[in-house]
Amino acid sequence: MKIWPLICALILSGCMSIHSPKEFRVGGPCEYEYHPGVGRIVSINPLPDGKRFEVSFEFYREDNSREERTHFLYDNHFQHPSREFLEKNNITVGKVIPGYLMSITKGTCTPILFSFPRLKDNRAP
């Protein structure tokens, strides 16, 4: 009976060596193509917590083509924006913000992302 813990330990260590972390990689490395354009804010609605807002926008590429659907704007911490973030960046319905649509060209990461470099972090001075 005292041999069972040893057998279990050997089996577990064998399983761990068979499946190294490198074999379980999920996602990346990913590459994106950048498409310059602008986001236009179409709605700002408070969330039930009363502290954050659901902000939706349409994205127009430089060639004036529009993405087929609206998207949600997130702050620099991948959360719905706070009132402070909206005020600091003067985000209102109709505001146009220069940015990029990033579409994936290699890998299995998020298919599209948006970047708006001019938006300021709500924790920055």
C-alpha atoms as a PDB file:
ATOM      1  CA  MET A   1       0.000   0.000   0.000  1.00  0.00           C
ATOM      2  CA  LYS A   2       2.885   2.393   0.580  1.00  0.00           C
ATOM      3  CA  ILE A   3       3.941   2.024  -3.053  1.00  0.00           C
ATOM      4  CA  TRP A   4       0.772   3.678  -4.501  1.00  0.00           C
ATOM      5  CA  PRO A   5       1.798   7.251  -3.686  1.00  0.00           C
ATOM      6  CA  LEU A   6       5.124   6.619  -5.430  1.00  0.00           C
ATOM      7  CA  ILE A   7       3.408   5.168  -8.512  1.00  0.00           C
ATOM      8  CA  CYS A   8       0.996   8.121  -8.680  1.00  0.00           C
ATOM      9  CA  ALA A   9       3.874  10.596  -8.373  1.00  0.00           C
ATOM     10  CA  LEU A  10       5.762   8.889 -11.206  1.00  0.00           C
ATOM     11  CA  ILE A  11       2.695   8.869 -13.448  1.00  0.00           C
ATOM     12  CA  LEU A  12       2.007  12.569 -12.784  1.00  0.00           C
ATOM     13  CA  SER A  13       5.623  13.590 -13.397  1.00  0.00           C
ATOM     14  CA  GLY A  14       5.584  11.634 -16.664  1.00  0.00           C
ATOM     15  CA  CYS A  15       2.413  13.380 -17.786  1.00  0.00           C
ATOM     16  CA  MET A  16       3.877  16.771 -16.944  1.00  0.00           C
ATOM     17  CA  SER A  17       7.019  16.118 -18.970  1.00  0.00           C
ATOM     18  CA  ILE A  18       5.023  14.957 -22.011  1.00  0.00           C
ATOM     19  CA  HIS A  19       3.018  18.207 -22.184  1.00  0.00           C
ATOM     20  CA  SER A  20       5.390  21.132 -21.890  1.00  0.00           C
ATOM     21  CA  PRO A  21       3.927  24.674 -21.777  1.00  0.00           C
ATOM     22  CA  LYS A  22       5.234  25.378 -25.294  1.00  0.00           C
ATOM     23  CA  GLU A  23       2.979  22.667 -26.697  1.00  0.00           C
ATOM     24  CA  PHE A  24      -0.102  24.314 -25.173  1.00  0.00           C
ATOM     25  CA  ARG A  25       0.379  27.770 -26.675  1.00  0.00           C
ATOM     26  CA  VAL A  26      -2.915  29.450 -27.432  1.00  0.00           C
ATOM     27  CA  GLY A  27      -3.036  32.356 -29.864  1.00  0.00           C
ATOM     28  CA  GLY A  28       0.062  34.258 -31.062  1.00  0.00           C
ATOM     29  CA  PRO A  29       2.369  35.120 -32.458  1.00  0.00           C
ATOM     30  CA  CYS A  30      -0.035  37.281 -34.411  1.00  0.00           C
ATOM     31  CA  GLU A  31       0.392  39.966 -37.038  1.00  0.00           C
ATOM     32  CA  TYR A  32      -2.050  42.698 -38.014  1.00  0.00           C
ATOM     33  CA  GLU A  33      -2.581  44.960 -40.996  1.00  0.00           C
ATOM     34  CA  TYR A  34      -3.331  48.587 -40.012  1.00  0.00           C
ATOM     35  CA  HIS A  35      -6.119  50.521 -41.727  1.00  0.00           C
ATOM     36  CA  PRO A  36      -6.205  54.239 -40.801  1.00  0.00           C
ATOM     37  CA  GLY A  37      -9.536  55.952 -40.405  1.00  0.00           C
ATOM     38  CA  VAL A  38     -11.859  57.491 -37.826  1.00  0.00           C
ATOM     39  CA  GLY A  39     -14.324  56.283 -35.242  1.00  0.00           C
ATOM     40  CA  ARG A  40     -17.570  58.248 -34.860  1.00  0.00           C
ATOM     41  CA  ILE A  41     -19.363  57.915 -31.518  1.00  0.00           C
ATOM     42  CA  VAL A  42     -23.006  56.916 -32.098  1.00  0.00           C
ATOM     43  CA  SER A  43     -24.271  56.247 -28.550  1.00  0.00           C
ATOM     44  CA  ILE A  44     -23.317  56.562 -24.882  1.00  0.00           C
ATOM     45  CA  ASN A  45     -25.442  54.651 -22.366  1.00  0.00           C
ATOM     46  CA  PRO A  46     -24.872  54.180 -18.623  1.00  0.00           C
ATOM     47  CA  LEU A  47     -24.365  50.610 -17.435  1.00  0.00           C
ATOM     48  CA  PRO A  48     -26.373  49.274 -14.469  1.00  0.00           C
ATOM     49  CA  ASP A  49     -23.446  49.843 -12.061  1.00  0.00           C
ATOM     50  CA  GLY A  50     -23.771  53.602 -12.698  1.00  0.00           C
ATOM     51  CA  LYS A  51     -19.975  53.975 -12.892  1.00  0.00           C
ATOM     52  CA  ARG A  52     -19.232  52.920 -16.458  1.00  0.00           C
ATOM     53  CA  PHE A  53     -20.754  53.529 -19.869  1.00  0.00           C
ATOM     54  CA  GLU A  54     -21.441  51.489 -22.976  1.00  0.00           C
ATOM     55  CA  VAL A  55     -20.035  53.600 -25.801  1.00  0.00           C
ATOM     56  CA  SER A  56     -20.602  52.466 -29.380  1.00  0.00           C
ATOM     57  CA  PHE A  57     -18.942  53.773 -32.519  1.00  0.00           C
ATOM     58  CA  GLU A  58     -18.849  53.265 -36.256  1.00  0.00           C
ATOM     59  CA  PHE A  59     -15.475  53.043 -37.957  1.00  0.00           C
ATOM     60  CA  TYR A  60     -14.781  54.620 -41.344  1.00  0.00           C
ATOM     61  CA  ARG A  61     -11.574  53.742 -43.177  1.00  0.00           C
ATOM     62  CA  GLU A  62      -9.619  56.417 -45.050  1.00  0.00           C
ATOM     63  CA  ASP A  63     -11.177  55.160 -48.296  1.00  0.00           C
ATOM     64  CA  ASN A  64     -14.592  56.108 -46.772  1.00  0.00           C
ATOM     65  CA  SER A  65     -15.728  52.488 -46.457  1.00  0.00           C
ATOM     66  CA  ARG A  66     -17.573  51.798 -43.199  1.00  0.00           C
ATOM     67  CA  GLU A  67     -17.373  48.665 -41.096  1.00  0.00           C
ATOM     68  CA  GLU A  68     -20.648  46.752 -41.328  1.00  0.00           C
ATOM     69  CA  ARG A  69     -21.571  47.054 -37.658  1.00  0.00           C
ATOM     70  CA  THR A  70     -21.012  49.265 -34.655  1.00  0.00           C
ATOM     71  CA  HIS A  71     -18.354  48.414 -32.093  1.00  0.00           C
ATOM     72  CA  PHE A  72     -17.850  49.165 -28.409  1.00  0.00           C
ATOM     73  CA  LEU A  73     -15.205  51.558 -27.183  1.00  0.00           C
ATOM     74  CA  TYR A  74     -13.124  50.365 -24.226  1.00  0.00           C
ATOM     75  CA  ASP A  75     -10.691  52.318 -22.093  1.00  0.00           C
ATOM     76  CA  ASN A  76      -6.964  51.606 -21.874  1.00  0.00           C
ATOM     77  CA  HIS A  77      -7.675  48.796 -19.384  1.00  0.00           C
ATOM     78  CA  PHE A  78     -10.137  46.956 -21.661  1.00  0.00           C
ATOM     79  CA  GLN A  79     -13.141  48.033 -19.597  1.00  0.00           C
ATOM     80  CA  HIS A  80     -16.177  50.084 -20.486  1.00  0.00           C
ATOM     81  CA  PRO A  81     -15.160  53.746 -20.048  1.00  0.00           C
ATOM     82  CA  SER A  82     -15.766  55.610 -16.798  1.00  0.00           C
ATOM     83  CA  ARG A  83     -17.270  59.103 -16.616  1.00  0.00           C
ATOM     84  CA  GLU A  84     -13.756  60.460 -15.944  1.00  0.00           C
ATOM     85  CA  PHE A  85     -12.400  58.822 -19.114  1.00  0.00           C
ATOM     86  CA  LEU A  86     -15.263  60.243 -21.188  1.00  0.00           C
ATOM     87  CA  GLU A  87     -14.795  63.734 -19.744  1.00  0.00           C
ATOM     88  CA  LYS A  88     -10.995  63.717 -20.060  1.00  0.00           C
ATOM     89  CA  ASN A  89     -11.302  62.787 -23.740  1.00  0.00           C
ATOM     90  CA  ASN A  90     -14.368  64.949 -24.404  1.00  0.00           C
ATOM     91  CA  ILE A  91     -16.240  61.933 -25.757  1.00  0.00           C
ATOM     92  CA  THR A  92     -19.762  62.837 -26.827  1.00  0.00           C
ATOM     93  CA  VAL A  93     -22.209  61.469 -29.403  1.00  0.00           C
ATOM     94  CA  GLY A  94     -21.023  62.554 -32.846  1.00  0.00           C
ATOM     95  CA  LYS A  95     -17.362  63.008 -31.845  1.00  0.00           C
ATOM     96  CA  VAL A  96     -14.888  61.795 -34.483  1.00  0.00           C
ATOM     97  CA  ILE A  97     -11.677  60.180 -33.221  1.00  0.00           C
ATOM     98  CA  PRO A  98      -8.721  59.330 -35.529  1.00  0.00           C
ATOM     99  CA  GLY A  99      -7.496  55.775 -35.200  1.00  0.00           C
ATOM    100  CA  TYR A 100      -6.775  52.425 -36.776  1.00  0.00           C
ATOM    101  CA  LEU A 101      -8.667  49.260 -37.527  1.00  0.00           C
ATOM    102  CA  MET A 102      -6.232  46.380 -37.125  1.00  0.00           C
ATOM    103  CA  SER A 103      -7.187  43.213 -39.043  1.00  0.00           C
ATOM    104  CA  ILE A 104      -5.366  39.966 -38.381  1.00  0.00           C
ATOM    105  CA  THR A 105      -3.131  38.563 -41.116  1.00  0.00           C
ATOM    106  CA  LYS A 106      -1.344  35.826 -39.171  1.00  0.00           C
ATOM    107  CA  GLY A 107      -2.107  33.799 -36.038  1.00  0.00           C
ATOM    108  CA  THR A 108      -5.202  33.033 -34.004  1.00  0.00           C
ATOM    109  CA  CYS A 109      -5.570  36.181 -31.890  1.00  0.00           C
ATOM    110  CA  THR A 110      -8.531  38.579 -31.918  1.00  0.00           C
ATOM    111  CA  PRO A 111      -9.582  39.008 -35.588  1.00  0.00           C
ATOM    112  CA  ILE A 112     -10.016  42.793 -35.452  1.00  0.00           C
ATOM    113  CA  LEU A 113      -8.918  45.437 -32.970  1.00  0.00           C
ATOM    114  CA  PHE A 114      -9.215  49.204 -32.849  1.00  0.00           C
ATOM    115  CA  SER A 115      -6.592  51.658 -31.685  1.00  0.00           C
ATOM    116  CA  PHE A 116      -7.244  55.318 -30.891  1.00  0.00           C
ATOM    117  CA  PRO A 117      -3.813  56.692 -29.876  1.00  0.00           C
ATOM    118  CA  ARG A 118      -5.111  60.173 -28.983  1.00  0.00           C
ATOM    119  CA  LEU A 119      -7.356  58.897 -26.190  1.00  0.00           C
ATOM    120  CA  LYS A 120      -5.833  59.514 -22.794  1.00  0.00           C
ATOM    121  CA  ASP A 121      -5.776  56.983 -19.976  1.00  0.00           C
ATOM    122  CA  ASN A 122      -8.120  57.996 -17.168  1.00  0.00           C
ATOM    123  CA  ARG A 123      -5.281  57.472 -14.631  1.00  0.00           C
ATOM    124  CA  ALA A 124      -2.785  59.681 -16.476  1.00  0.00           C
ATOM    125  CA  PRO A 125      -2.174  63.216 -15.127  1.00  0.00           C
END
